[in-house]
N, C-alpha and C. Protein backbone atom coordinates (compact mmCIF):
# COMPACT_ATOMS: atom_id res chain seq x y z
N PRO A 1 -137.28 44.87 203.14
CA PRO A 1 -135.98 44.89 202.47
C PRO A 1 -135.72 43.56 201.78
N ASN A 2 -135.08 43.65 200.63
CA ASN A 2 -134.71 42.46 199.86
C ASN A 2 -133.25 42.15 200.07
N THR A 3 -132.92 40.87 200.07
CA THR A 3 -131.55 40.43 200.24
C THR A 3 -131.19 39.51 199.09
N ILE A 4 -130.00 39.71 198.53
CA ILE A 4 -129.50 38.85 197.47
C ILE A 4 -128.21 38.23 197.96
N ALA A 5 -128.11 36.93 197.88
CA ALA A 5 -126.89 36.22 198.30
C ALA A 5 -126.19 35.69 197.05
N VAL A 6 -124.91 35.99 196.95
CA VAL A 6 -124.07 35.48 195.87
C VAL A 6 -122.96 34.68 196.53
N ARG A 7 -122.87 33.39 196.15
CA ARG A 7 -121.86 32.52 196.75
C ARG A 7 -121.03 31.87 195.66
N ASN A 8 -119.75 31.78 195.90
CA ASN A 8 -118.85 31.03 195.03
C ASN A 8 -118.56 29.72 195.74
N ILE A 9 -119.07 28.62 195.20
CA ILE A 9 -118.86 27.33 195.86
C ILE A 9 -117.64 26.61 195.27
N GLY A 10 -116.90 27.31 194.41
CA GLY A 10 -115.68 26.74 193.85
C GLY A 10 -114.53 26.83 194.85
N GLN A 11 -113.40 26.34 194.44
CA GLN A 11 -112.21 26.36 195.29
C GLN A 11 -111.66 27.78 195.39
N MET A 12 -110.81 28.00 196.39
CA MET A 12 -110.25 29.32 196.64
C MET A 12 -109.42 29.82 195.46
N GLU A 13 -108.85 28.92 194.68
CA GLU A 13 -108.04 29.30 193.53
C GLU A 13 -108.85 29.89 192.39
N PHE A 14 -110.18 29.79 192.47
CA PHE A 14 -111.05 30.27 191.40
C PHE A 14 -112.00 31.34 191.93
N PRO A 15 -111.49 32.56 192.11
CA PRO A 15 -112.36 33.63 192.61
C PRO A 15 -113.33 34.09 191.52
N MET A 16 -114.31 34.86 191.92
CA MET A 16 -115.27 35.39 190.95
C MET A 16 -115.57 36.84 191.30
N ALA A 17 -116.08 37.54 190.31
CA ALA A 17 -116.55 38.91 190.51
C ALA A 17 -118.02 38.94 190.13
N ALA A 18 -118.83 39.61 190.92
CA ALA A 18 -120.26 39.70 190.65
C ALA A 18 -120.69 41.16 190.75
N GLN A 19 -121.65 41.51 189.94
CA GLN A 19 -122.22 42.85 189.97
C GLN A 19 -123.73 42.73 189.96
N ILE A 20 -124.38 43.41 190.89
CA ILE A 20 -125.82 43.36 191.01
C ILE A 20 -126.34 44.77 190.88
N GLU A 21 -127.33 44.95 190.01
CA GLU A 21 -127.91 46.27 189.80
C GLU A 21 -129.42 46.17 189.85
N ALA A 22 -130.05 47.21 190.36
CA ALA A 22 -131.51 47.32 190.30
C ALA A 22 -131.88 47.94 188.97
N VAL A 23 -132.92 47.42 188.34
CA VAL A 23 -133.39 47.97 187.07
C VAL A 23 -134.80 48.49 187.26
N SER A 24 -135.20 49.37 186.37
CA SER A 24 -136.55 49.92 186.45
C SER A 24 -137.57 48.84 186.12
N ALA A 25 -138.82 49.17 186.32
CA ALA A 25 -139.88 48.20 186.04
C ALA A 25 -139.87 47.78 184.58
N ALA A 26 -139.52 48.70 183.67
CA ALA A 26 -139.47 48.34 182.24
C ALA A 26 -138.26 47.46 181.98
N GLY A 27 -137.10 47.77 182.56
CA GLY A 27 -135.86 47.00 182.51
C GLY A 27 -135.77 46.00 181.39
N PRO A 28 -135.30 44.80 181.68
CA PRO A 28 -135.18 43.77 180.66
C PRO A 28 -136.53 43.24 180.18
N LEU A 29 -137.56 43.47 180.96
CA LEU A 29 -138.88 42.98 180.58
C LEU A 29 -139.54 43.89 179.54
N GLY A 30 -139.09 45.13 179.44
CA GLY A 30 -139.75 46.10 178.59
C GLY A 30 -139.56 45.87 177.11
N ASP A 31 -138.42 45.31 176.70
CA ASP A 31 -138.12 45.16 175.27
C ASP A 31 -137.97 43.68 174.94
N ILE A 32 -139.05 42.94 174.99
CA ILE A 32 -139.01 41.49 174.80
C ILE A 32 -138.69 41.12 173.35
N GLN A 33 -138.82 42.05 172.40
CA GLN A 33 -138.56 41.73 171.00
C GLN A 33 -137.08 41.45 170.75
N ARG A 34 -136.20 41.89 171.63
CA ARG A 34 -134.78 41.70 171.37
C ARG A 34 -134.30 40.28 171.69
N TYR A 35 -135.18 39.43 172.16
CA TYR A 35 -134.81 38.06 172.47
C TYR A 35 -135.02 37.17 171.25
N ASP A 36 -134.04 36.31 170.98
CA ASP A 36 -134.13 35.39 169.85
C ASP A 36 -135.13 34.26 170.13
N HIS A 37 -135.11 33.77 171.36
CA HIS A 37 -135.97 32.66 171.76
C HIS A 37 -136.79 33.12 172.96
N GLY A 38 -138.06 33.30 172.78
CA GLY A 38 -138.80 33.63 173.97
C GLY A 38 -140.12 34.28 173.65
N PRO A 39 -140.97 34.37 174.62
CA PRO A 39 -140.88 33.61 175.87
C PRO A 39 -141.32 32.15 175.67
N MET A 40 -140.63 31.24 176.31
CA MET A 40 -140.93 29.82 176.18
C MET A 40 -141.12 29.23 177.58
N THR A 41 -142.18 28.45 177.74
CA THR A 41 -142.47 27.82 179.03
C THR A 41 -141.65 26.54 179.18
N ILE A 42 -141.02 26.39 180.34
CA ILE A 42 -140.28 25.18 180.67
C ILE A 42 -140.95 24.58 181.90
N GLN A 43 -141.53 23.41 181.75
CA GLN A 43 -142.22 22.76 182.85
C GLN A 43 -141.23 22.31 183.92
N GLY A 44 -141.74 22.09 185.13
CA GLY A 44 -140.91 21.62 186.23
C GLY A 44 -140.25 20.29 185.89
N GLY A 45 -138.96 20.18 186.15
CA GLY A 45 -138.21 18.96 185.88
C GLY A 45 -137.69 18.88 184.45
N ALA A 46 -138.08 19.81 183.59
CA ALA A 46 -137.66 19.76 182.18
C ALA A 46 -136.46 20.68 181.94
N LEU A 47 -135.86 20.55 180.76
CA LEU A 47 -134.75 21.42 180.37
C LEU A 47 -134.89 21.79 178.92
N ARG A 48 -134.26 22.92 178.56
CA ARG A 48 -134.20 23.39 177.16
C ARG A 48 -132.78 23.83 176.89
N THR A 49 -132.34 23.60 175.65
CA THR A 49 -131.00 24.04 175.25
C THR A 49 -131.14 25.05 174.12
N TYR A 50 -130.23 26.02 174.13
CA TYR A 50 -130.23 27.09 173.14
C TYR A 50 -128.81 27.25 172.59
N PRO A 51 -128.54 26.77 171.38
CA PRO A 51 -127.20 26.95 170.79
C PRO A 51 -127.05 28.35 170.20
N PHE A 52 -125.79 28.86 170.19
CA PHE A 52 -125.50 30.18 169.65
C PHE A 52 -124.33 30.11 168.69
N ASP A 53 -124.37 30.97 167.68
CA ASP A 53 -123.31 31.06 166.68
C ASP A 53 -122.03 31.58 167.31
N PRO A 54 -120.87 31.30 166.69
CA PRO A 54 -119.59 31.79 167.23
C PRO A 54 -119.48 33.32 167.24
N VAL A 55 -120.25 34.02 166.44
CA VAL A 55 -120.16 35.48 166.41
C VAL A 55 -120.84 36.14 167.61
N VAL A 56 -121.58 35.37 168.41
CA VAL A 56 -122.24 35.92 169.59
C VAL A 56 -121.23 35.97 170.73
N ASP A 57 -120.96 37.19 171.23
CA ASP A 57 -120.00 37.38 172.32
C ASP A 57 -120.64 37.26 173.69
N SER A 58 -121.93 37.56 173.80
CA SER A 58 -122.63 37.42 175.08
C SER A 58 -124.12 37.24 174.81
N VAL A 59 -124.79 36.57 175.76
CA VAL A 59 -126.22 36.31 175.64
C VAL A 59 -126.93 36.86 176.88
N GLN A 60 -128.21 37.18 176.71
CA GLN A 60 -129.02 37.64 177.83
C GLN A 60 -130.09 36.60 178.12
N VAL A 61 -130.33 36.38 179.40
CA VAL A 61 -131.28 35.36 179.85
C VAL A 61 -132.26 36.01 180.81
N LEU A 62 -133.53 35.79 180.59
CA LEU A 62 -134.58 36.29 181.49
C LEU A 62 -135.44 35.11 181.90
N LEU A 63 -135.55 34.87 183.20
CA LEU A 63 -136.39 33.80 183.75
C LEU A 63 -137.42 34.43 184.68
N LYS A 64 -138.66 33.99 184.56
CA LYS A 64 -139.72 34.48 185.44
C LYS A 64 -140.81 33.42 185.55
N THR A 65 -141.71 33.63 186.50
CA THR A 65 -142.87 32.75 186.67
C THR A 65 -144.12 33.63 186.76
N ASP A 66 -145.25 32.98 187.03
CA ASP A 66 -146.51 33.70 187.17
C ASP A 66 -146.80 34.06 188.61
N GLY A 67 -145.79 34.15 189.44
CA GLY A 67 -145.96 34.47 190.86
C GLY A 67 -145.59 33.31 191.76
N ARG A 68 -145.28 32.19 191.16
CA ARG A 68 -144.88 31.01 191.93
C ARG A 68 -143.37 31.03 192.14
N PRO A 69 -142.85 30.12 192.97
CA PRO A 69 -141.39 30.07 193.18
C PRO A 69 -140.65 29.74 191.88
N LEU A 70 -139.47 30.29 191.76
CA LEU A 70 -138.58 30.05 190.61
C LEU A 70 -137.35 29.34 191.14
N ASN A 71 -137.14 28.12 190.68
CA ASN A 71 -136.01 27.30 191.10
C ASN A 71 -135.38 26.73 189.83
N ALA A 72 -134.22 27.26 189.44
CA ALA A 72 -133.66 26.88 188.14
C ALA A 72 -132.15 26.80 188.19
N ARG A 73 -131.62 26.25 187.11
CA ARG A 73 -130.18 26.12 186.92
C ARG A 73 -129.88 26.56 185.50
N ILE A 74 -128.95 27.50 185.35
CA ILE A 74 -128.52 28.00 184.05
C ILE A 74 -127.10 27.51 183.83
N GLU A 75 -126.88 26.81 182.72
CA GLU A 75 -125.55 26.25 182.42
C GLU A 75 -125.06 26.79 181.09
N LEU A 76 -123.82 27.23 181.05
CA LEU A 76 -123.17 27.61 179.80
C LEU A 76 -122.25 26.46 179.44
N LEU A 77 -122.53 25.81 178.31
CA LEU A 77 -121.75 24.66 177.85
C LEU A 77 -120.94 25.05 176.63
N GLN A 78 -119.74 24.50 176.51
CA GLN A 78 -118.94 24.64 175.30
C GLN A 78 -118.45 23.24 174.95
N GLY A 79 -119.14 22.64 174.01
CA GLY A 79 -118.88 21.24 173.69
C GLY A 79 -119.89 20.38 174.43
N PRO A 80 -119.88 19.09 174.15
CA PRO A 80 -120.87 18.19 174.77
C PRO A 80 -120.62 18.02 176.26
N ASN A 81 -121.61 18.40 177.07
CA ASN A 81 -121.58 18.24 178.53
C ASN A 81 -120.31 18.80 179.17
N ASN A 82 -119.80 19.91 178.66
CA ASN A 82 -118.63 20.57 179.21
C ASN A 82 -119.07 21.90 179.81
N ASN A 83 -119.39 21.89 181.11
CA ASN A 83 -119.87 23.09 181.79
C ASN A 83 -118.76 24.12 181.92
N LYS A 84 -119.02 25.32 181.42
CA LYS A 84 -118.09 26.44 181.58
C LYS A 84 -118.55 27.37 182.70
N GLN A 85 -119.85 27.45 182.90
CA GLN A 85 -120.41 28.31 183.92
C GLN A 85 -121.74 27.74 184.35
N VAL A 86 -122.03 27.78 185.66
CA VAL A 86 -123.29 27.26 186.19
C VAL A 86 -123.84 28.26 187.19
N ILE A 87 -125.11 28.58 187.05
CA ILE A 87 -125.81 29.46 188.00
C ILE A 87 -127.01 28.69 188.53
N GLU A 88 -127.07 28.53 189.85
CA GLU A 88 -128.24 27.94 190.49
C GLU A 88 -128.97 29.06 191.19
N LEU A 89 -130.28 29.17 190.97
CA LEU A 89 -131.00 30.29 191.55
C LEU A 89 -132.33 29.87 192.11
N TYR A 90 -132.77 30.65 193.09
CA TYR A 90 -134.08 30.44 193.71
C TYR A 90 -134.64 31.80 194.10
N THR A 91 -135.90 32.01 193.82
CA THR A 91 -136.65 33.15 194.33
C THR A 91 -138.05 32.68 194.63
N GLU A 92 -138.64 33.18 195.70
CA GLU A 92 -139.95 32.66 196.08
C GLU A 92 -141.09 33.22 195.24
N ASP A 93 -140.84 34.29 194.48
CA ASP A 93 -141.86 34.85 193.60
C ASP A 93 -141.19 35.32 192.31
N GLY A 94 -141.33 34.53 191.26
CA GLY A 94 -140.68 34.83 189.99
C GLY A 94 -141.35 35.92 189.18
N LEU A 95 -142.49 36.43 189.65
CA LEU A 95 -143.14 37.56 188.99
C LEU A 95 -142.65 38.88 189.59
N ASP A 96 -142.61 38.96 190.91
CA ASP A 96 -142.09 40.16 191.57
C ASP A 96 -140.58 40.26 191.46
N ARG A 97 -139.90 39.11 191.42
CA ARG A 97 -138.44 39.08 191.38
C ARG A 97 -137.94 38.16 190.26
N PRO A 98 -138.12 38.58 189.00
CA PRO A 98 -137.58 37.77 187.90
C PRO A 98 -136.06 37.82 187.89
N PHE A 99 -135.44 36.89 187.19
CA PHE A 99 -133.98 36.82 187.13
C PHE A 99 -133.52 37.19 185.72
N PHE A 100 -132.57 38.12 185.64
CA PHE A 100 -132.01 38.55 184.37
C PHE A 100 -130.49 38.52 184.50
N ALA A 101 -129.81 37.94 183.49
CA ALA A 101 -128.34 37.87 183.50
C ALA A 101 -127.80 38.00 182.09
N ILE A 102 -126.59 38.50 182.02
CA ILE A 102 -125.84 38.53 180.76
C ILE A 102 -124.64 37.63 180.94
N LEU A 103 -124.50 36.64 180.05
CA LEU A 103 -123.42 35.67 180.11
C LEU A 103 -122.46 35.89 178.95
N GLU A 104 -121.18 35.98 179.23
CA GLU A 104 -120.18 36.08 178.18
C GLU A 104 -120.01 34.71 177.54
N THR A 105 -119.95 34.67 176.19
CA THR A 105 -119.86 33.40 175.46
C THR A 105 -118.73 33.45 174.43
N PRO A 106 -117.47 33.52 174.87
CA PRO A 106 -116.37 33.57 173.89
C PRO A 106 -116.15 32.23 173.22
N GLY A 107 -115.63 32.25 172.01
CA GLY A 107 -115.32 31.01 171.29
C GLY A 107 -116.51 30.46 170.55
N SER A 108 -116.38 29.21 170.13
CA SER A 108 -117.43 28.57 169.34
C SER A 108 -118.04 27.41 170.12
N GLY A 109 -119.18 26.93 169.65
CA GLY A 109 -119.82 25.77 170.26
C GLY A 109 -120.54 26.07 171.55
N ASN A 110 -120.97 27.31 171.76
CA ASN A 110 -121.64 27.67 173.01
C ASN A 110 -123.11 27.31 172.99
N VAL A 111 -123.55 26.70 174.08
CA VAL A 111 -124.95 26.31 174.26
C VAL A 111 -125.35 26.73 175.67
N VAL A 112 -126.51 27.36 175.80
CA VAL A 112 -127.06 27.68 177.11
C VAL A 112 -128.15 26.67 177.41
N ARG A 113 -128.04 26.01 178.56
CA ARG A 113 -129.03 25.01 178.96
C ARG A 113 -129.76 25.54 180.20
N ILE A 114 -131.08 25.59 180.13
CA ILE A 114 -131.92 26.03 181.25
C ILE A 114 -132.62 24.80 181.81
N VAL A 115 -132.43 24.54 183.10
CA VAL A 115 -133.04 23.40 183.77
C VAL A 115 -134.01 23.94 184.82
N ASN A 116 -135.27 23.56 184.75
CA ASN A 116 -136.23 23.92 185.78
C ASN A 116 -136.12 22.87 186.88
N SER A 117 -135.52 23.27 188.00
CA SER A 117 -135.26 22.34 189.11
C SER A 117 -136.49 22.10 189.97
N ALA A 118 -137.55 22.84 189.75
CA ALA A 118 -138.77 22.70 190.55
C ALA A 118 -139.58 21.49 190.08
N THR A 119 -140.63 21.20 190.82
CA THR A 119 -141.52 20.11 190.44
C THR A 119 -142.44 20.57 189.31
N VAL A 120 -143.21 19.66 188.77
CA VAL A 120 -144.03 19.93 187.59
C VAL A 120 -145.08 21.01 187.84
N GLU A 121 -145.44 21.27 189.09
CA GLU A 121 -146.44 22.28 189.41
C GLU A 121 -145.92 23.71 189.25
N PHE A 122 -144.60 23.87 189.05
CA PHE A 122 -143.99 25.19 189.02
C PHE A 122 -143.25 25.44 187.70
N PRO A 123 -143.98 25.73 186.62
CA PRO A 123 -143.31 26.04 185.35
C PRO A 123 -142.67 27.43 185.40
N LEU A 124 -141.71 27.66 184.52
CA LEU A 124 -141.09 28.97 184.40
C LEU A 124 -141.14 29.41 182.94
N THR A 125 -140.95 30.69 182.73
CA THR A 125 -140.92 31.25 181.39
C THR A 125 -139.51 31.77 181.14
N CYS A 126 -138.94 31.37 180.01
CA CYS A 126 -137.57 31.72 179.67
C CYS A 126 -137.55 32.50 178.36
N SER A 127 -136.82 33.61 178.36
CA SER A 127 -136.53 34.37 177.14
C SER A 127 -135.02 34.50 177.06
N ILE A 128 -134.45 34.21 175.90
CA ILE A 128 -132.99 34.21 175.76
C ILE A 128 -132.63 34.70 174.36
N GLY A 129 -131.54 35.42 174.26
CA GLY A 129 -131.11 35.93 172.96
C GLY A 129 -129.72 36.50 173.01
N ALA A 130 -129.19 36.81 171.84
CA ALA A 130 -127.86 37.41 171.75
C ALA A 130 -127.90 38.82 172.33
N TYR A 131 -126.88 39.16 173.10
CA TYR A 131 -126.78 40.50 173.68
C TYR A 131 -125.77 41.34 172.91
N LYS A 132 -124.58 40.77 172.70
CA LYS A 132 -123.54 41.47 171.97
C LYS A 132 -122.98 40.55 170.90
N MET A 133 -122.88 41.07 169.69
CA MET A 133 -122.36 40.31 168.56
C MET A 133 -120.93 40.75 168.29
N GLY A 134 -120.07 39.79 167.95
CA GLY A 134 -118.69 40.10 167.63
C GLY A 134 -118.52 40.39 166.15
N SER A 135 -117.29 40.66 165.79
CA SER A 135 -117.00 40.95 164.39
C SER A 135 -116.00 39.93 163.85
N LYS A 136 -116.20 38.68 164.19
CA LYS A 136 -115.32 37.63 163.72
C LYS A 136 -115.67 37.32 162.27
N ASP A 137 -114.72 37.59 161.36
CA ASP A 137 -114.99 37.44 159.94
C ASP A 137 -114.48 36.12 159.38
N SER A 138 -113.36 35.65 159.88
CA SER A 138 -112.75 34.47 159.28
C SER A 138 -112.91 33.25 160.18
N PHE A 139 -112.69 32.10 159.60
CA PHE A 139 -112.77 30.85 160.34
C PHE A 139 -111.71 30.81 161.44
N GLU A 140 -110.52 31.36 161.16
CA GLU A 140 -109.43 31.34 162.14
C GLU A 140 -109.79 32.14 163.39
N GLU A 141 -110.50 33.25 163.22
CA GLU A 141 -110.86 34.08 164.37
C GLU A 141 -111.91 33.42 165.26
N MET A 142 -112.65 32.44 164.72
CA MET A 142 -113.70 31.78 165.49
C MET A 142 -113.17 30.60 166.29
N GLN A 143 -111.94 30.21 166.08
CA GLN A 143 -111.38 29.07 166.78
C GLN A 143 -111.03 29.44 168.21
N PRO A 144 -111.16 28.51 169.15
CA PRO A 144 -110.75 28.81 170.52
C PRO A 144 -109.25 29.01 170.60
N VAL A 145 -108.82 29.90 171.49
CA VAL A 145 -107.40 30.16 171.68
C VAL A 145 -106.87 29.12 172.66
N ILE A 146 -105.95 28.27 172.18
CA ILE A 146 -105.41 27.20 173.02
C ILE A 146 -104.17 27.68 173.75
N SER A 147 -103.31 28.42 173.07
CA SER A 147 -102.13 28.98 173.72
C SER A 147 -102.33 30.48 173.85
N GLY A 148 -101.33 31.15 174.37
CA GLY A 148 -101.43 32.59 174.56
C GLY A 148 -101.10 33.38 173.31
N TYR A 149 -100.66 32.72 172.26
CA TYR A 149 -100.25 33.44 171.05
C TYR A 149 -100.98 32.89 169.84
N GLY A 150 -101.20 33.75 168.86
CA GLY A 150 -101.83 33.34 167.62
C GLY A 150 -101.08 33.92 166.45
N SER A 151 -101.32 33.41 165.29
CA SER A 151 -100.62 33.86 164.10
C SER A 151 -101.59 34.60 163.18
N ASN A 152 -101.13 35.71 162.65
CA ASN A 152 -101.90 36.48 161.69
C ASN A 152 -100.98 36.79 160.52
N ASN A 153 -101.03 35.95 159.50
CA ASN A 153 -100.17 36.10 158.31
C ASN A 153 -98.68 36.09 158.68
N GLY A 154 -98.30 35.25 159.57
CA GLY A 154 -96.90 35.12 159.95
C GLY A 154 -96.48 36.05 161.07
N ASP A 155 -97.27 37.05 161.40
CA ASP A 155 -96.94 37.96 162.50
C ASP A 155 -97.58 37.41 163.77
N PHE A 156 -96.77 37.17 164.79
CA PHE A 156 -97.30 36.65 166.03
C PHE A 156 -97.69 37.81 166.93
N ARG A 157 -98.82 37.66 167.58
CA ARG A 157 -99.28 38.68 168.50
C ARG A 157 -99.88 38.01 169.73
N ALA A 158 -99.82 38.68 170.84
CA ALA A 158 -100.39 38.13 172.06
C ALA A 158 -101.87 38.45 172.12
N TYR A 159 -102.66 37.51 172.69
CA TYR A 159 -104.08 37.74 172.89
C TYR A 159 -104.33 38.19 174.31
């Protein structure tokens, strides 16, 4: 039997929701052409950054190894060194148990940073790409929402 542990190490005021699903053998590995960047090898101790356009609403990330342990950190940044989301993961066999996730990326200036936390003897392979594209047409729609209200030609509406 396999066990997956999901922990929220944040404060009690910041709850989270997680969903875990089993996928078929073809799953995310079957259609590798849909990834913008991949597959790319990241050596142990190294990191790679992947910037995305503001029209990208979510990205998909696939991490795997050649059967060795997978020890990595996935960070969603918005702006310089401004972590919005961090995932730390470990699996003892990255070939039998690869990691696949979809990260929501609202707003502009989103960068996904993949850090291989393992030593140099344990490289990983990363494939990453846009999952869902938005329909933001104007510059105003791409700006982050600072307050709860926005203006559209003088008509105020709630977001």
